[in-house]
Amino acid sequence: MLYKNIENIIRFMRAGEKKSTTSQMGLFDSIAEHNGLHLDVVERFSYEEKLNGERDVIGFSISGHPLDGLSRYIAKRSQNTKILAMSFEAYEALPQKQKDKMEITQAVGYVRDFRTTMTKT
């Protein structure tokens, strides 16, 4: 909500700052109704919009990970999640036959954007 109202907040702060630096009273300042901060009511961001906005503003996502929505799919497809979580000593204690089965590794990722570069050939 604040992200969509940044311009209103800045405008309100600048008006207050201008009023305090000039030390002058406006013609209608004594009237009870005054122009306060008005925030527009906006829809909440979707999960993806929130993650993309965080990444654009601060450089990384803090609300979650882009692949969080695929966690059930990844867990179903992945055979090695237990291996990645176990210590090296526990892995070494496994029988060789079980280690041989575990050599296939799958990775999951996403492409946020890409660019084409021209190189000399």
N, C-alpha and C. Protein backbone atom coordinates (compact mmCIF):
# COMPACT_ATOMS: atom_id res chain seq x y z
N MET A 1 0.82 -1.19 0.00
CA MET A 1 0.00 0.00 0.00
C MET A 1 0.87 1.25 0.00
N LEU A 2 1.93 1.24 0.78
CA LEU A 2 2.79 2.42 0.82
C LEU A 2 3.51 2.64 -0.50
N TYR A 3 3.87 1.55 -1.15
CA TYR A 3 4.62 1.65 -2.40
C TYR A 3 3.83 2.43 -3.46
N LYS A 4 2.53 2.19 -3.54
CA LYS A 4 1.69 2.88 -4.52
C LYS A 4 1.40 4.33 -4.12
N ASN A 5 1.62 4.68 -2.85
CA ASN A 5 1.31 6.02 -2.34
C ASN A 5 2.54 6.86 -2.06
N ILE A 6 3.68 6.47 -2.57
CA ILE A 6 4.93 7.19 -2.30
C ILE A 6 4.83 8.65 -2.74
N GLU A 7 4.22 8.89 -3.90
CA GLU A 7 4.11 10.27 -4.38
C GLU A 7 3.27 11.13 -3.44
N ASN A 8 2.16 10.58 -2.92
CA ASN A 8 1.32 11.32 -1.97
C ASN A 8 2.09 11.61 -0.67
N ILE A 9 2.85 10.66 -0.21
CA ILE A 9 3.62 10.83 1.02
C ILE A 9 4.69 11.91 0.83
N ILE A 10 5.39 11.87 -0.28
CA ILE A 10 6.43 12.87 -0.56
C ILE A 10 5.82 14.26 -0.68
N ARG A 11 4.70 14.36 -1.37
CA ARG A 11 4.02 15.66 -1.52
C ARG A 11 3.61 16.22 -0.14
N PHE A 12 3.07 15.37 0.71
CA PHE A 12 2.65 15.79 2.05
C PHE A 12 3.85 16.24 2.89
N MET A 13 4.93 15.48 2.82
CA MET A 13 6.13 15.82 3.61
C MET A 13 6.75 17.13 3.12
N ARG A 14 6.79 17.33 1.81
CA ARG A 14 7.34 18.58 1.27
C ARG A 14 6.50 19.78 1.68
N ALA A 15 5.17 19.63 1.69
CA ALA A 15 4.30 20.74 2.10
C ALA A 15 4.53 21.08 3.56
N GLY A 16 4.67 20.08 4.42
CA GLY A 16 4.95 20.31 5.83
C GLY A 16 6.30 20.94 6.05
N GLU A 17 7.29 20.49 5.28
CA GLU A 17 8.64 21.05 5.38
C GLU A 17 8.65 22.50 4.93
N LYS A 18 7.95 22.80 3.86
CA LYS A 18 7.90 24.17 3.34
C LYS A 18 7.23 25.09 4.36
N LYS A 19 6.17 24.60 4.98
CA LYS A 19 5.45 25.40 5.97
C LYS A 19 6.35 25.68 7.19
N SER A 20 7.12 24.70 7.62
CA SER A 20 7.97 24.89 8.81
C SER A 20 9.20 25.76 8.51
N THR A 21 9.70 25.74 7.28
CA THR A 21 10.89 26.53 6.98
C THR A 21 10.56 28.00 6.73
N THR A 22 9.34 28.28 6.25
CA THR A 22 8.99 29.68 5.97
C THR A 22 8.49 30.41 7.22
N SER A 23 8.06 29.66 8.23
CA SER A 23 7.54 30.23 9.49
C SER A 23 6.41 31.21 9.22
N GLN A 24 5.65 30.98 8.20
CA GLN A 24 4.52 31.84 7.89
C GLN A 24 3.24 31.03 7.98
N MET A 25 2.20 31.69 8.38
CA MET A 25 0.90 31.04 8.49
C MET A 25 0.12 31.31 7.20
N GLY A 26 -0.53 30.27 6.68
CA GLY A 26 -1.32 30.43 5.48
C GLY A 26 -2.66 31.07 5.79
N LEU A 27 -3.31 31.52 4.77
CA LEU A 27 -4.59 32.20 4.92
C LEU A 27 -5.65 31.29 5.54
N PHE A 28 -5.65 30.02 5.19
CA PHE A 28 -6.68 29.10 5.67
C PHE A 28 -6.15 28.11 6.71
N ASP A 29 -4.97 28.34 7.30
CA ASP A 29 -4.40 27.42 8.27
C ASP A 29 -5.20 27.35 9.57
N SER A 30 -5.91 28.38 9.93
CA SER A 30 -6.64 28.37 11.19
C SER A 30 -7.97 27.64 11.10
N ILE A 31 -8.43 27.32 9.91
CA ILE A 31 -9.69 26.58 9.73
C ILE A 31 -9.46 25.13 10.16
N ALA A 32 -10.48 24.54 10.81
CA ALA A 32 -10.33 23.20 11.39
C ALA A 32 -9.99 22.14 10.35
N GLU A 33 -10.59 22.21 9.17
CA GLU A 33 -10.27 21.21 8.17
C GLU A 33 -8.96 21.60 7.47
N HIS A 34 -8.09 20.64 7.34
CA HIS A 34 -6.82 20.89 6.69
C HIS A 34 -6.51 19.72 5.76
N ASN A 35 -5.59 19.97 4.89
CA ASN A 35 -5.19 18.91 3.96
C ASN A 35 -4.24 17.97 4.66
N GLY A 36 -4.74 16.84 5.05
CA GLY A 36 -3.90 15.82 5.67
C GLY A 36 -3.36 14.89 4.62
N LEU A 37 -2.68 13.91 5.08
CA LEU A 37 -2.13 12.90 4.18
C LEU A 37 -3.26 12.01 3.70
N HIS A 38 -3.40 11.89 2.41
CA HIS A 38 -4.44 11.04 1.82
C HIS A 38 -3.75 9.85 1.14
N LEU A 39 -4.07 8.64 1.61
CA LEU A 39 -3.52 7.44 1.00
C LEU A 39 -4.60 6.76 0.17
N ASP A 40 -4.27 6.45 -1.06
CA ASP A 40 -5.22 5.76 -1.94
C ASP A 40 -5.34 4.30 -1.53
N VAL A 41 -6.53 3.77 -1.61
CA VAL A 41 -6.75 2.35 -1.33
C VAL A 41 -6.41 1.58 -2.59
N VAL A 42 -5.50 0.64 -2.46
CA VAL A 42 -5.05 -0.14 -3.61
C VAL A 42 -5.15 -1.63 -3.28
N GLU A 43 -5.19 -2.43 -4.32
CA GLU A 43 -5.21 -3.88 -4.12
C GLU A 43 -3.85 -4.36 -3.66
N ARG A 44 -3.87 -5.45 -2.90
CA ARG A 44 -2.62 -6.04 -2.46
C ARG A 44 -1.86 -6.61 -3.66
N PHE A 45 -0.54 -6.62 -3.56
CA PHE A 45 0.28 -7.21 -4.60
C PHE A 45 0.12 -8.73 -4.58
N SER A 46 0.22 -9.34 -5.74
CA SER A 46 0.29 -10.80 -5.76
C SER A 46 1.67 -11.20 -5.24
N TYR A 47 1.82 -12.47 -4.94
CA TYR A 47 3.09 -12.96 -4.40
C TYR A 47 4.24 -12.68 -5.36
N GLU A 48 4.01 -12.92 -6.64
CA GLU A 48 5.05 -12.71 -7.64
C GLU A 48 5.38 -11.22 -7.79
N GLU A 49 4.34 -10.36 -7.77
CA GLU A 49 4.58 -8.92 -7.87
C GLU A 49 5.38 -8.42 -6.67
N LYS A 50 5.06 -8.94 -5.49
CA LYS A 50 5.79 -8.54 -4.29
C LYS A 50 7.26 -8.93 -4.38
N LEU A 51 7.53 -10.17 -4.80
CA LEU A 51 8.92 -10.62 -4.92
C LEU A 51 9.68 -9.82 -5.97
N ASN A 52 9.04 -9.56 -7.12
CA ASN A 52 9.69 -8.78 -8.17
C ASN A 52 9.94 -7.35 -7.71
N GLY A 53 8.98 -6.75 -7.00
CA GLY A 53 9.17 -5.40 -6.49
C GLY A 53 10.30 -5.31 -5.49
N GLU A 54 10.38 -6.29 -4.58
CA GLU A 54 11.48 -6.32 -3.61
C GLU A 54 12.81 -6.45 -4.33
N ARG A 55 12.84 -7.31 -5.32
CA ARG A 55 14.10 -7.52 -6.06
C ARG A 55 14.50 -6.25 -6.81
N ASP A 56 13.53 -5.54 -7.37
CA ASP A 56 13.83 -4.30 -8.09
C ASP A 56 14.32 -3.21 -7.14
N VAL A 57 13.71 -3.11 -5.96
CA VAL A 57 14.02 -2.02 -5.04
C VAL A 57 15.28 -2.27 -4.24
N ILE A 58 15.41 -3.47 -3.62
CA ILE A 58 16.56 -3.71 -2.74
C ILE A 58 17.55 -4.73 -3.29
N GLY A 59 17.22 -5.38 -4.41
CA GLY A 59 18.18 -6.27 -5.04
C GLY A 59 17.99 -7.74 -4.73
N PHE A 60 17.13 -8.09 -3.77
CA PHE A 60 16.85 -9.49 -3.47
C PHE A 60 15.47 -9.59 -2.84
N SER A 61 14.95 -10.80 -2.77
CA SER A 61 13.61 -11.02 -2.23
C SER A 61 13.71 -11.34 -0.75
N ILE A 62 12.87 -10.68 0.07
CA ILE A 62 12.89 -10.95 1.51
C ILE A 62 11.61 -11.65 1.97
N SER A 63 10.56 -11.61 1.18
CA SER A 63 9.30 -12.23 1.58
C SER A 63 9.24 -13.71 1.28
N GLY A 64 10.14 -14.18 0.48
CA GLY A 64 10.13 -15.59 0.11
C GLY A 64 11.09 -15.83 -1.03
N HIS A 65 10.93 -16.97 -1.63
CA HIS A 65 11.77 -17.36 -2.77
C HIS A 65 10.86 -17.60 -3.97
N PRO A 66 11.29 -17.24 -5.16
CA PRO A 66 10.45 -17.43 -6.34
C PRO A 66 10.01 -18.87 -6.57
N LEU A 67 10.75 -19.84 -6.06
CA LEU A 67 10.38 -21.24 -6.27
C LEU A 67 9.56 -21.82 -5.11
N ASP A 68 9.16 -21.01 -4.15
CA ASP A 68 8.36 -21.51 -3.03
C ASP A 68 7.05 -22.13 -3.49
N GLY A 69 6.47 -21.61 -4.52
CA GLY A 69 5.22 -22.16 -5.04
C GLY A 69 5.38 -23.55 -5.64
N LEU A 70 6.59 -23.91 -5.97
CA LEU A 70 6.85 -25.22 -6.58
C LEU A 70 7.42 -26.23 -5.59
N SER A 71 7.37 -25.94 -4.30
CA SER A 71 8.04 -26.80 -3.32
C SER A 71 7.49 -28.23 -3.31
N ARG A 72 6.17 -28.39 -3.46
CA ARG A 72 5.60 -29.74 -3.49
C ARG A 72 6.05 -30.50 -4.74
N TYR A 73 6.08 -29.81 -5.87
CA TYR A 73 6.54 -30.44 -7.12
C TYR A 73 8.01 -30.84 -7.02
N ILE A 74 8.80 -29.95 -6.47
CA ILE A 74 10.24 -30.23 -6.34
C ILE A 74 10.47 -31.41 -5.41
N ALA A 75 9.74 -31.43 -4.29
CA ALA A 75 9.91 -32.53 -3.34
C ALA A 75 9.48 -33.86 -3.95
N LYS A 76 8.44 -33.83 -4.78
CA LYS A 76 7.95 -35.06 -5.42
C LYS A 76 8.94 -35.56 -6.47
N ARG A 77 9.54 -34.65 -7.21
CA ARG A 77 10.44 -35.02 -8.30
C ARG A 77 11.86 -35.30 -7.83
N SER A 78 12.25 -34.73 -6.73
CA SER A 78 13.63 -34.84 -6.29
C SER A 78 13.83 -36.11 -5.47
N GLN A 79 14.91 -36.77 -5.74
CA GLN A 79 15.23 -37.99 -4.99
C GLN A 79 16.36 -37.72 -4.00
N ASN A 80 17.00 -36.59 -4.13
CA ASN A 80 18.23 -36.36 -3.36
C ASN A 80 18.11 -35.31 -2.27
N THR A 81 16.91 -34.91 -1.90
CA THR A 81 16.80 -33.86 -0.89
C THR A 81 17.34 -34.32 0.46
N LYS A 82 17.16 -35.60 0.77
CA LYS A 82 17.69 -36.12 2.04
C LYS A 82 19.21 -36.15 2.00
N ILE A 83 19.79 -36.44 0.86
CA ILE A 83 21.25 -36.48 0.74
C ILE A 83 21.84 -35.10 0.94
N LEU A 84 21.19 -34.09 0.37
CA LEU A 84 21.70 -32.73 0.51
C LEU A 84 21.63 -32.26 1.95
N ALA A 85 20.69 -32.77 2.73
CA ALA A 85 20.54 -32.34 4.12
C ALA A 85 21.42 -33.14 5.08
N MET A 86 21.95 -34.28 4.65
CA MET A 86 22.73 -35.10 5.58
C MET A 86 24.19 -34.65 5.62
N SER A 87 24.83 -34.96 6.71
CA SER A 87 26.24 -34.58 6.87
C SER A 87 27.12 -35.48 6.01
N PHE A 88 28.35 -35.06 5.81
CA PHE A 88 29.29 -35.85 5.01
C PHE A 88 29.58 -37.19 5.68
N GLU A 89 29.67 -37.19 7.00
CA GLU A 89 29.95 -38.44 7.74
C GLU A 89 28.81 -39.44 7.57
N ALA A 90 27.56 -38.94 7.62
CA ALA A 90 26.41 -39.82 7.44
C ALA A 90 26.39 -40.38 6.02
N TYR A 91 26.76 -39.57 5.04
CA TYR A 91 26.82 -40.04 3.66
C TYR A 91 27.88 -41.13 3.51
N GLU A 92 29.03 -40.91 4.13
CA GLU A 92 30.10 -41.90 4.04
C GLU A 92 29.72 -43.22 4.70
N ALA A 93 28.82 -43.20 5.68
CA ALA A 93 28.42 -44.41 6.38
C ALA A 93 27.42 -45.24 5.58
N LEU A 94 26.86 -44.68 4.51
CA LEU A 94 25.91 -45.42 3.69
C LEU A 94 26.60 -46.54 2.92
N PRO A 95 25.90 -47.65 2.65
CA PRO A 95 26.50 -48.72 1.82
C PRO A 95 26.77 -48.22 0.40
N GLN A 96 27.77 -48.78 -0.24
CA GLN A 96 28.18 -48.36 -1.57
C GLN A 96 27.05 -48.51 -2.58
N LYS A 97 26.25 -49.55 -2.45
CA LYS A 97 25.14 -49.78 -3.37
C LYS A 97 24.14 -48.61 -3.33
N GLN A 98 23.88 -48.12 -2.13
CA GLN A 98 22.95 -46.99 -1.99
C GLN A 98 23.58 -45.70 -2.53
N LYS A 99 24.89 -45.54 -2.34
CA LYS A 99 25.58 -44.36 -2.87
C LYS A 99 25.55 -44.35 -4.39
N ASP A 100 25.70 -45.53 -5.02
CA ASP A 100 25.68 -45.61 -6.48
C ASP A 100 24.33 -45.18 -7.05
N LYS A 101 23.25 -45.47 -6.35
CA LYS A 101 21.92 -45.05 -6.78
C LYS A 101 21.76 -43.54 -6.69
N MET A 102 22.47 -42.91 -5.80
CA MET A 102 22.27 -41.49 -5.49
C MET A 102 23.10 -40.55 -6.35
N GLU A 103 23.78 -41.04 -7.34
CA GLU A 103 24.67 -40.18 -8.11
C GLU A 103 23.94 -39.28 -9.10
N ILE A 104 22.69 -39.58 -9.39
CA ILE A 104 21.93 -38.70 -10.28
C ILE A 104 21.48 -37.49 -9.48
N THR A 105 21.76 -36.32 -10.00
CA THR A 105 21.40 -35.10 -9.31
C THR A 105 20.50 -34.26 -10.20
N GLN A 106 19.46 -33.72 -9.63
CA GLN A 106 18.55 -32.84 -10.35
C GLN A 106 18.64 -31.46 -9.72
N ALA A 107 18.55 -30.46 -10.55
CA ALA A 107 18.55 -29.08 -10.05
C ALA A 107 17.34 -28.36 -10.61
N VAL A 108 16.81 -27.47 -9.81
CA VAL A 108 15.65 -26.68 -10.22
C VAL A 108 16.03 -25.21 -10.09
N GLY A 109 15.65 -24.42 -11.07
CA GLY A 109 15.95 -22.99 -11.04
C GLY A 109 14.96 -22.24 -11.91
N TYR A 110 15.13 -20.97 -12.01
CA TYR A 110 14.28 -20.18 -12.87
C TYR A 110 15.11 -19.10 -13.54
N VAL A 111 14.64 -18.66 -14.70
CA VAL A 111 15.31 -17.61 -15.45
C VAL A 111 14.48 -16.35 -15.28
N ARG A 112 15.04 -15.35 -14.66
CA ARG A 112 14.31 -14.10 -14.42
C ARG A 112 14.29 -13.26 -15.69
N ASP A 113 15.42 -13.09 -16.30
CA ASP A 113 15.51 -12.41 -17.59
C ASP A 113 16.81 -12.83 -18.26
N PHE A 114 16.96 -12.48 -19.50
CA PHE A 114 18.16 -12.84 -20.22
C PHE A 114 18.53 -11.70 -21.15
N ARG A 115 19.74 -11.73 -21.63
CA ARG A 115 20.19 -10.71 -22.57
C ARG A 115 21.06 -11.37 -23.63
N THR A 116 21.08 -10.77 -24.77
CA THR A 116 21.89 -11.26 -25.88
C THR A 116 23.10 -10.35 -26.00
N THR A 117 24.26 -10.95 -26.06
CA THR A 117 25.49 -10.17 -26.23
C THR A 117 26.20 -10.61 -27.50
N MET A 118 26.79 -9.68 -28.15
CA MET A 118 27.55 -9.99 -29.36
C MET A 118 29.03 -10.07 -28.97
N THR A 119 29.67 -11.13 -29.40
CA THR A 119 31.09 -11.29 -29.14
C THR A 119 31.83 -11.43 -30.47
N LYS A 120 33.10 -11.18 -30.41
CA LYS A 120 33.92 -11.36 -31.62
C LYS A 120 34.10 -12.85 -31.86
N THR A 121 34.03 -13.22 -33.12
CA THR A 121 34.26 -14.63 -33.44
C THR A 121 35.33 -14.76 -34.51
